[in-house]
Amino acid sequence: MSQLSRRSALGITATAVAGLGLAGTAYAATSTAPAAGVRPAGEDHAGHTGGGMDHGGHTAPAPFDEVYQGRRIQGAPAQGGAHGGHHGGYQVLIDGKELHVMQNGDGTWISVVNHYETFATPHAVARAAVVELQGATLVPLA
């Protein structure tokens, strides 16, 4: 019979801890409660839902037009689906240039500037893009 070495014991412990961590993450991901800081699509920063329906039958986010950190950001439901509807039927502009946005299956939004960070509304995506650009000009995609 072989004895349990320290190295084997540490390996078994690390594997068990990693498994528990993954199980906890999976449980949190399947929870019915919304994640901290994530609001359902269609709610603005005050928790109000916007009017109208988008092409998927969900509540469309409310239009916005404001100057944020010296940049004009605008957003409204897209007219005509210029890009095949891949951005949820919503158009966001920063200083008149289109910021490509997309709605995820869970109702959150992403942009080409913040592709790995999700936001509750296109308005929040636009503001985050302005912060991320740090004054740089948004270059339209071809």
N, C-alpha and C. Protein backbone atom coordinates (compact mmCIF):
# COMPACT_ATOMS: atom_id res chain seq x y z
N MET A 1 0.82 -1.18 0.00
CA MET A 1 0.00 0.00 0.00
C MET A 1 0.87 1.25 0.00
N SER A 2 0.51 2.21 -0.82
CA SER A 2 1.29 3.44 -0.84
C SER A 2 0.76 4.42 0.19
N GLN A 3 1.66 5.23 0.68
CA GLN A 3 1.27 6.24 1.67
C GLN A 3 0.87 7.53 0.96
N LEU A 4 0.05 8.29 1.60
CA LEU A 4 -0.38 9.57 1.08
C LEU A 4 0.72 10.59 1.36
N SER A 5 1.30 11.16 0.30
CA SER A 5 2.36 12.16 0.49
C SER A 5 1.75 13.54 0.67
N ARG A 6 2.55 14.46 1.13
CA ARG A 6 2.11 15.85 1.28
C ARG A 6 1.68 16.43 -0.05
N ARG A 7 2.43 16.14 -1.09
CA ARG A 7 2.13 16.66 -2.43
C ARG A 7 0.78 16.13 -2.90
N SER A 8 0.51 14.85 -2.68
CA SER A 8 -0.79 14.28 -3.08
C SER A 8 -1.93 14.89 -2.28
N ALA A 9 -1.71 15.08 -0.98
CA ALA A 9 -2.75 15.68 -0.13
C ALA A 9 -3.07 17.10 -0.57
N LEU A 10 -2.01 17.88 -0.90
CA LEU A 10 -2.24 19.25 -1.38
C LEU A 10 -2.97 19.24 -2.72
N GLY A 11 -2.62 18.32 -3.61
CA GLY A 11 -3.29 18.23 -4.91
C GLY A 11 -4.76 17.89 -4.76
N ILE A 12 -5.07 16.94 -3.87
CA ILE A 12 -6.46 16.56 -3.63
C ILE A 12 -7.24 17.72 -3.03
N THR A 13 -6.62 18.42 -2.09
CA THR A 13 -7.28 19.57 -1.45
C THR A 13 -7.54 20.67 -2.47
N ALA A 14 -6.54 20.98 -3.31
CA ALA A 14 -6.71 22.03 -4.33
C ALA A 14 -7.82 21.66 -5.31
N THR A 15 -7.88 20.40 -5.69
CA THR A 15 -8.94 19.95 -6.60
C THR A 15 -10.32 20.09 -5.97
N ALA A 16 -10.42 19.72 -4.70
CA ALA A 16 -11.70 19.84 -4.01
C ALA A 16 -12.14 21.29 -3.88
N VAL A 17 -11.21 22.18 -3.54
CA VAL A 17 -11.53 23.61 -3.40
C VAL A 17 -11.96 24.19 -4.75
N ALA A 18 -11.24 23.82 -5.81
CA ALA A 18 -11.61 24.32 -7.14
C ALA A 18 -12.99 23.82 -7.54
N GLY A 19 -13.28 22.56 -7.23
CA GLY A 19 -14.61 22.02 -7.54
C GLY A 19 -15.71 22.74 -6.80
N LEU A 20 -15.47 23.02 -5.52
CA LEU A 20 -16.46 23.77 -4.74
C LEU A 20 -16.65 25.18 -5.30
N GLY A 21 -15.55 25.80 -5.71
CA GLY A 21 -15.64 27.14 -6.29
C GLY A 21 -16.45 27.14 -7.57
N LEU A 22 -16.22 26.16 -8.43
CA LEU A 22 -16.99 26.06 -9.67
C LEU A 22 -18.46 25.77 -9.40
N ALA A 23 -18.72 24.92 -8.40
CA ALA A 23 -20.11 24.62 -8.06
C ALA A 23 -20.82 25.87 -7.54
N GLY A 24 -20.12 26.67 -6.74
CA GLY A 24 -20.71 27.91 -6.23
C GLY A 24 -20.98 28.90 -7.35
N THR A 25 -20.05 28.99 -8.30
CA THR A 25 -20.23 29.89 -9.44
C THR A 25 -21.41 29.44 -10.29
N ALA A 26 -21.51 28.14 -10.53
CA ALA A 26 -22.63 27.62 -11.32
C ALA A 26 -23.96 27.87 -10.61
N TYR A 27 -23.99 27.71 -9.30
CA TYR A 27 -25.21 27.97 -8.55
C TYR A 27 -25.59 29.44 -8.64
N ALA A 28 -24.60 30.32 -8.49
CA ALA A 28 -24.88 31.76 -8.57
C ALA A 28 -25.37 32.15 -9.96
N ALA A 29 -24.82 31.50 -10.99
CA ALA A 29 -25.22 31.84 -12.36
C ALA A 29 -26.64 31.39 -12.67
N THR A 30 -27.11 30.35 -11.99
CA THR A 30 -28.46 29.85 -12.26
C THR A 30 -29.49 30.39 -11.29
N SER A 31 -29.05 31.24 -10.37
CA SER A 31 -29.97 31.83 -9.40
C SER A 31 -30.99 32.69 -10.12
N THR A 32 -32.20 32.75 -9.58
CA THR A 32 -33.25 33.57 -10.21
C THR A 32 -33.11 35.04 -9.87
N ALA A 33 -32.37 35.37 -8.83
CA ALA A 33 -32.17 36.78 -8.47
C ALA A 33 -31.19 37.41 -9.42
N PRO A 34 -31.37 38.69 -9.83
CA PRO A 34 -30.42 39.33 -10.72
C PRO A 34 -29.09 39.56 -10.01
N ALA A 35 -28.02 39.51 -10.78
CA ALA A 35 -26.69 39.74 -10.23
C ALA A 35 -26.58 41.18 -9.74
N ALA A 36 -25.68 41.41 -8.82
CA ALA A 36 -25.50 42.76 -8.27
C ALA A 36 -25.13 43.72 -9.39
N GLY A 37 -25.81 44.83 -9.48
CA GLY A 37 -25.52 45.86 -10.47
C GLY A 37 -26.13 45.60 -11.84
N VAL A 38 -26.77 44.46 -12.04
CA VAL A 38 -27.37 44.16 -13.33
C VAL A 38 -28.87 44.36 -13.23
N ARG A 39 -29.40 45.20 -14.11
CA ARG A 39 -30.82 45.44 -14.16
C ARG A 39 -31.36 44.83 -15.43
N PRO A 40 -32.59 44.42 -15.43
CA PRO A 40 -33.17 43.87 -16.66
C PRO A 40 -33.12 44.89 -17.78
N ALA A 41 -33.01 44.41 -19.00
CA ALA A 41 -32.98 45.30 -20.16
C ALA A 41 -34.25 46.11 -20.20
N GLY A 42 -34.12 47.36 -20.62
CA GLY A 42 -35.28 48.21 -20.72
C GLY A 42 -35.44 49.12 -19.52
N GLU A 43 -34.66 48.90 -18.47
CA GLU A 43 -34.73 49.79 -17.31
C GLU A 43 -33.65 50.85 -17.43
N ASP A 44 -33.99 52.07 -17.09
CA ASP A 44 -32.97 53.11 -17.05
C ASP A 44 -32.32 53.11 -15.67
N HIS A 45 -31.44 54.09 -15.43
CA HIS A 45 -30.70 54.12 -14.16
C HIS A 45 -31.62 54.27 -12.96
N ALA A 46 -32.84 54.73 -13.14
CA ALA A 46 -33.77 54.88 -12.02
C ALA A 46 -34.68 53.65 -11.88
N GLY A 47 -34.51 52.67 -12.77
CA GLY A 47 -35.31 51.45 -12.69
C GLY A 47 -36.62 51.52 -13.45
N HIS A 48 -36.81 52.55 -14.27
CA HIS A 48 -38.03 52.68 -15.05
C HIS A 48 -37.86 51.99 -16.39
N THR A 49 -38.91 51.39 -16.88
CA THR A 49 -38.82 50.75 -18.19
C THR A 49 -39.13 51.76 -19.28
N GLY A 50 -38.44 51.57 -20.40
CA GLY A 50 -38.67 52.45 -21.55
C GLY A 50 -39.89 52.00 -22.31
N GLY A 51 -40.36 52.84 -23.20
CA GLY A 51 -41.54 52.50 -23.97
C GLY A 51 -41.18 51.79 -25.25
N GLY A 52 -42.18 51.22 -25.90
CA GLY A 52 -42.00 50.62 -27.21
C GLY A 52 -41.54 49.17 -27.14
N MET A 53 -41.64 48.52 -28.29
CA MET A 53 -41.21 47.13 -28.39
C MET A 53 -40.16 47.04 -29.48
N ASP A 54 -39.11 46.23 -29.25
CA ASP A 54 -38.13 46.03 -30.31
C ASP A 54 -38.55 44.84 -31.14
N HIS A 55 -37.72 44.46 -32.13
CA HIS A 55 -38.10 43.39 -33.04
C HIS A 55 -38.21 42.04 -32.37
N GLY A 56 -37.64 41.85 -31.19
CA GLY A 56 -37.72 40.57 -30.51
C GLY A 56 -38.92 40.48 -29.58
N GLY A 57 -39.74 41.51 -29.49
CA GLY A 57 -40.91 41.49 -28.65
C GLY A 57 -40.63 41.89 -27.21
N HIS A 58 -39.41 42.32 -26.93
CA HIS A 58 -39.06 42.77 -25.59
C HIS A 58 -39.24 44.28 -25.50
N THR A 59 -39.31 44.79 -24.30
CA THR A 59 -39.43 46.22 -24.11
C THR A 59 -38.15 46.89 -24.57
N ALA A 60 -38.26 47.86 -25.45
CA ALA A 60 -37.10 48.58 -25.96
C ALA A 60 -36.65 49.62 -24.95
N PRO A 61 -35.33 49.80 -24.82
CA PRO A 61 -34.84 50.84 -23.92
C PRO A 61 -35.27 52.23 -24.37
N ALA A 62 -35.41 53.12 -23.43
CA ALA A 62 -35.84 54.48 -23.72
C ALA A 62 -34.76 55.23 -24.50
N PRO A 63 -35.16 56.10 -25.42
CA PRO A 63 -34.17 56.92 -26.12
C PRO A 63 -33.50 57.89 -25.16
N PHE A 64 -32.29 58.31 -25.51
CA PHE A 64 -31.58 59.28 -24.69
C PHE A 64 -30.77 60.20 -25.59
N ASP A 65 -30.49 61.39 -25.10
CA ASP A 65 -29.67 62.38 -25.80
C ASP A 65 -29.11 63.30 -24.73
N GLU A 66 -27.81 63.21 -24.50
CA GLU A 66 -27.20 64.04 -23.46
C GLU A 66 -25.74 64.30 -23.77
N VAL A 67 -25.18 65.27 -23.07
CA VAL A 67 -23.75 65.51 -23.12
C VAL A 67 -23.16 64.91 -21.85
N TYR A 68 -22.25 63.95 -22.03
CA TYR A 68 -21.63 63.24 -20.91
C TYR A 68 -20.12 63.40 -21.04
N GLN A 69 -19.51 64.00 -20.05
CA GLN A 69 -18.07 64.27 -20.02
C GLN A 69 -17.61 64.97 -21.30
N GLY A 70 -18.41 65.93 -21.76
CA GLY A 70 -18.07 66.72 -22.93
C GLY A 70 -18.36 66.06 -24.26
N ARG A 71 -18.93 64.86 -24.26
CA ARG A 71 -19.24 64.15 -25.49
C ARG A 71 -20.75 64.00 -25.61
N ARG A 72 -21.28 64.19 -26.80
CA ARG A 72 -22.72 64.02 -27.01
C ARG A 72 -23.01 62.56 -27.29
N ILE A 73 -23.83 61.97 -26.43
CA ILE A 73 -24.23 60.58 -26.64
C ILE A 73 -25.73 60.55 -26.90
N GLN A 74 -26.11 59.75 -27.89
CA GLN A 74 -27.51 59.62 -28.29
C GLN A 74 -27.82 58.15 -28.49
N GLY A 75 -29.05 57.80 -28.21
CA GLY A 75 -29.48 56.43 -28.44
C GLY A 75 -30.97 56.39 -28.69
N ALA A 76 -31.37 55.53 -29.61
CA ALA A 76 -32.78 55.37 -29.96
C ALA A 76 -32.94 54.06 -30.72
N PRO A 77 -34.16 53.54 -30.74
CA PRO A 77 -34.38 52.35 -31.55
C PRO A 77 -33.95 52.60 -33.00
N ALA A 78 -33.26 51.63 -33.58
CA ALA A 78 -32.73 51.78 -34.94
C ALA A 78 -33.87 51.79 -35.95
N GLN A 79 -33.67 52.54 -36.99
CA GLN A 79 -34.64 52.62 -38.07
C GLN A 79 -34.14 51.76 -39.23
N GLY A 80 -34.83 50.67 -39.55
CA GLY A 80 -34.50 49.89 -40.74
C GLY A 80 -33.51 48.77 -40.53
N GLY A 81 -32.93 48.58 -39.34
CA GLY A 81 -32.02 47.46 -39.12
C GLY A 81 -30.81 47.49 -40.01
N ALA A 82 -30.01 48.55 -39.96
CA ALA A 82 -28.88 48.75 -40.87
C ALA A 82 -27.86 47.61 -40.84
N HIS A 83 -27.73 46.92 -39.74
CA HIS A 83 -26.72 45.86 -39.64
C HIS A 83 -27.35 44.50 -39.42
N GLY A 84 -28.47 44.25 -40.02
CA GLY A 84 -29.11 42.96 -39.92
C GLY A 84 -29.69 42.67 -38.54
N GLY A 85 -29.87 43.71 -37.73
CA GLY A 85 -30.49 43.53 -36.43
C GLY A 85 -29.60 42.89 -35.39
N HIS A 86 -28.27 42.83 -35.63
CA HIS A 86 -27.41 42.17 -34.66
C HIS A 86 -27.20 42.98 -33.39
N HIS A 87 -27.62 44.21 -33.39
CA HIS A 87 -27.41 45.06 -32.21
C HIS A 87 -28.71 45.32 -31.46
N GLY A 88 -29.64 44.44 -31.58
CA GLY A 88 -30.87 44.56 -30.81
C GLY A 88 -31.82 45.61 -31.33
N GLY A 89 -31.58 46.13 -32.54
CA GLY A 89 -32.47 47.14 -33.09
C GLY A 89 -32.34 48.48 -32.41
N TYR A 90 -31.17 48.77 -31.86
CA TYR A 90 -30.94 50.01 -31.13
C TYR A 90 -29.67 50.65 -31.65
N GLN A 91 -29.70 51.95 -31.88
CA GLN A 91 -28.54 52.68 -32.40
C GLN A 91 -28.02 53.64 -31.34
N VAL A 92 -26.71 53.62 -31.14
CA VAL A 92 -26.04 54.51 -30.19
C VAL A 92 -25.00 55.32 -30.95
N LEU A 93 -25.00 56.63 -30.72
CA LEU A 93 -24.04 57.53 -31.37
C LEU A 93 -23.23 58.27 -30.31
N ILE A 94 -21.94 58.40 -30.57
CA ILE A 94 -21.07 59.25 -29.75
C ILE A 94 -20.52 60.32 -30.67
N ASP A 95 -20.84 61.56 -30.41
CA ASP A 95 -20.46 62.69 -31.26
C ASP A 95 -20.83 62.43 -32.72
N GLY A 96 -22.01 61.82 -32.94
CA GLY A 96 -22.52 61.60 -34.28
C GLY A 96 -21.97 60.36 -34.97
N LYS A 97 -21.06 59.63 -34.32
CA LYS A 97 -20.49 58.41 -34.92
C LYS A 97 -21.07 57.20 -34.22
N GLU A 98 -21.43 56.18 -35.01
CA GLU A 98 -22.11 55.02 -34.45
C GLU A 98 -21.18 54.18 -33.58
N LEU A 99 -21.67 53.88 -32.39
CA LEU A 99 -21.04 52.91 -31.50
C LEU A 99 -21.81 51.62 -31.67
N HIS A 100 -21.18 50.59 -32.18
CA HIS A 100 -21.88 49.33 -32.39
C HIS A 100 -22.17 48.68 -31.04
N VAL A 101 -23.44 48.43 -30.79
CA VAL A 101 -23.88 47.79 -29.55
C VAL A 101 -24.65 46.53 -29.89
N MET A 102 -24.71 45.62 -28.93
CA MET A 102 -25.42 44.37 -29.14
C MET A 102 -26.07 43.96 -27.83
N GLN A 103 -27.29 43.46 -27.93
CA GLN A 103 -27.98 42.96 -26.75
C GLN A 103 -27.72 41.47 -26.61
N ASN A 104 -27.29 41.06 -25.43
CA ASN A 104 -27.05 39.64 -25.15
C ASN A 104 -28.37 38.93 -24.88
N GLY A 105 -28.32 37.63 -24.85
CA GLY A 105 -29.51 36.82 -24.59
C GLY A 105 -30.12 37.06 -23.22
N ASP A 106 -29.29 37.47 -22.25
CA ASP A 106 -29.81 37.71 -20.90
C ASP A 106 -30.34 39.12 -20.71
N GLY A 107 -30.36 39.92 -21.80
CA GLY A 107 -30.91 41.27 -21.73
C GLY A 107 -29.87 42.34 -21.46
N THR A 108 -28.62 41.96 -21.18
CA THR A 108 -27.57 42.95 -20.97
C THR A 108 -27.04 43.42 -22.32
N TRP A 109 -26.25 44.47 -22.30
CA TRP A 109 -25.75 45.08 -23.53
C TRP A 109 -24.23 45.16 -23.49
N ILE A 110 -23.60 45.05 -24.68
CA ILE A 110 -22.15 45.23 -24.82
C ILE A 110 -21.90 46.12 -26.03
N SER A 111 -20.67 46.62 -26.14
CA SER A 111 -20.28 47.41 -27.30
C SER A 111 -18.90 46.95 -27.77
N VAL A 112 -18.48 47.47 -28.91
CA VAL A 112 -17.15 47.13 -29.40
C VAL A 112 -16.06 47.74 -28.52
N VAL A 113 -16.38 48.77 -27.80
CA VAL A 113 -15.40 49.40 -26.91
C VAL A 113 -15.29 48.62 -25.60
N ASN A 114 -16.39 48.15 -25.06
CA ASN A 114 -16.43 47.40 -23.80
C ASN A 114 -16.99 46.01 -24.09
N HIS A 115 -16.31 45.23 -24.89
CA HIS A 115 -16.88 43.97 -25.35
C HIS A 115 -16.99 42.91 -24.26
N TYR A 116 -16.17 42.98 -23.24
CA TYR A 116 -16.18 41.95 -22.21
C TYR A 116 -16.85 42.41 -20.93
N GLU A 117 -17.51 43.55 -20.97
CA GLU A 117 -18.22 44.07 -19.80
C GLU A 117 -19.67 44.30 -20.22
N THR A 118 -20.60 43.79 -19.42
CA THR A 118 -22.01 43.94 -19.77
C THR A 118 -22.64 45.08 -18.99
N PHE A 119 -23.67 45.67 -19.59
CA PHE A 119 -24.38 46.80 -19.00
C PHE A 119 -25.88 46.58 -19.13
N ALA A 120 -26.63 47.20 -18.24
CA ALA A 120 -28.08 47.01 -18.20
C ALA A 120 -28.80 47.69 -19.35
N THR A 121 -28.27 48.80 -19.85
CA THR A 121 -28.95 49.57 -20.90
C THR A 121 -27.94 50.08 -21.92
N PRO A 122 -28.39 50.43 -23.12
CA PRO A 122 -27.50 51.07 -24.08
C PRO A 122 -26.97 52.41 -23.58
N HIS A 123 -27.75 53.10 -22.76
CA HIS A 123 -27.31 54.36 -22.17
C HIS A 123 -26.07 54.14 -21.31
N ALA A 124 -26.10 53.09 -20.49
CA ALA A 124 -24.95 52.77 -19.65
C ALA A 124 -23.75 52.35 -20.51
N VAL A 125 -24.00 51.65 -21.61
CA VAL A 125 -22.92 51.26 -22.53
C VAL A 125 -22.27 52.50 -23.12
N ALA A 126 -23.08 53.47 -23.55
CA ALA A 126 -22.56 54.69 -24.15
C ALA A 126 -21.70 55.47 -23.15
N ARG A 127 -22.18 55.60 -21.94
CA ARG A 127 -21.40 56.31 -20.92
C ARG A 127 -20.07 55.60 -20.63
N ALA A 128 -20.11 54.28 -20.52
CA ALA A 128 -18.88 53.52 -20.27
C ALA A 128 -17.91 53.65 -21.45
N ALA A 129 -18.42 53.69 -22.66
CA ALA A 129 -17.56 53.86 -23.83
C ALA A 129 -16.88 55.22 -23.82
N VAL A 130 -17.61 56.26 -23.43
CA VAL A 130 -17.02 57.60 -23.33
C VAL A 130 -15.87 57.60 -22.32
N VAL A 131 -16.09 56.97 -21.19
CA VAL A 131 -15.04 56.88 -20.16
C VAL A 131 -13.84 56.11 -20.70
N GLU A 132 -14.10 55.00 -21.37
CA GLU A 132 -13.03 54.16 -21.89
C GLU A 132 -12.24 54.85 -23.01
N LEU A 133 -12.93 55.62 -23.84
CA LEU A 133 -12.26 56.31 -24.95
C LEU A 133 -11.28 57.37 -24.45
N GLN A 134 -11.49 57.91 -23.27
CA GLN A 134 -10.61 58.92 -22.67
C GLN A 134 -10.32 60.08 -23.62
N GLY A 135 -11.35 60.54 -24.32
CA GLY A 135 -11.20 61.69 -25.22
C GLY A 135 -10.85 61.32 -26.64
N ALA A 136 -10.51 60.07 -26.90
CA ALA A 136 -10.18 59.64 -28.27
C ALA A 136 -11.43 59.66 -29.14
N THR A 137 -11.24 59.83 -30.43
CA THR A 137 -12.36 59.84 -31.37
C THR A 137 -12.80 58.42 -31.64
N LEU A 138 -14.09 58.20 -31.68
CA LEU A 138 -14.64 56.90 -32.02
C LEU A 138 -14.48 56.70 -33.54
N VAL A 139 -13.83 55.62 -33.91
CA VAL A 139 -13.61 55.32 -35.33
C VAL A 139 -14.69 54.35 -35.76
N PRO A 140 -15.51 54.73 -36.74
CA PRO A 140 -16.58 53.84 -37.19
C PRO A 140 -16.03 52.56 -37.80
N LEU A 141 -16.75 51.46 -37.60
CA LEU A 141 -16.37 50.19 -38.23
C LEU A 141 -16.76 50.23 -39.69
N ALA A 142 -15.97 49.60 -40.51
CA ALA A 142 -16.24 49.61 -41.95
C ALA A 142 -17.38 48.70 -42.32
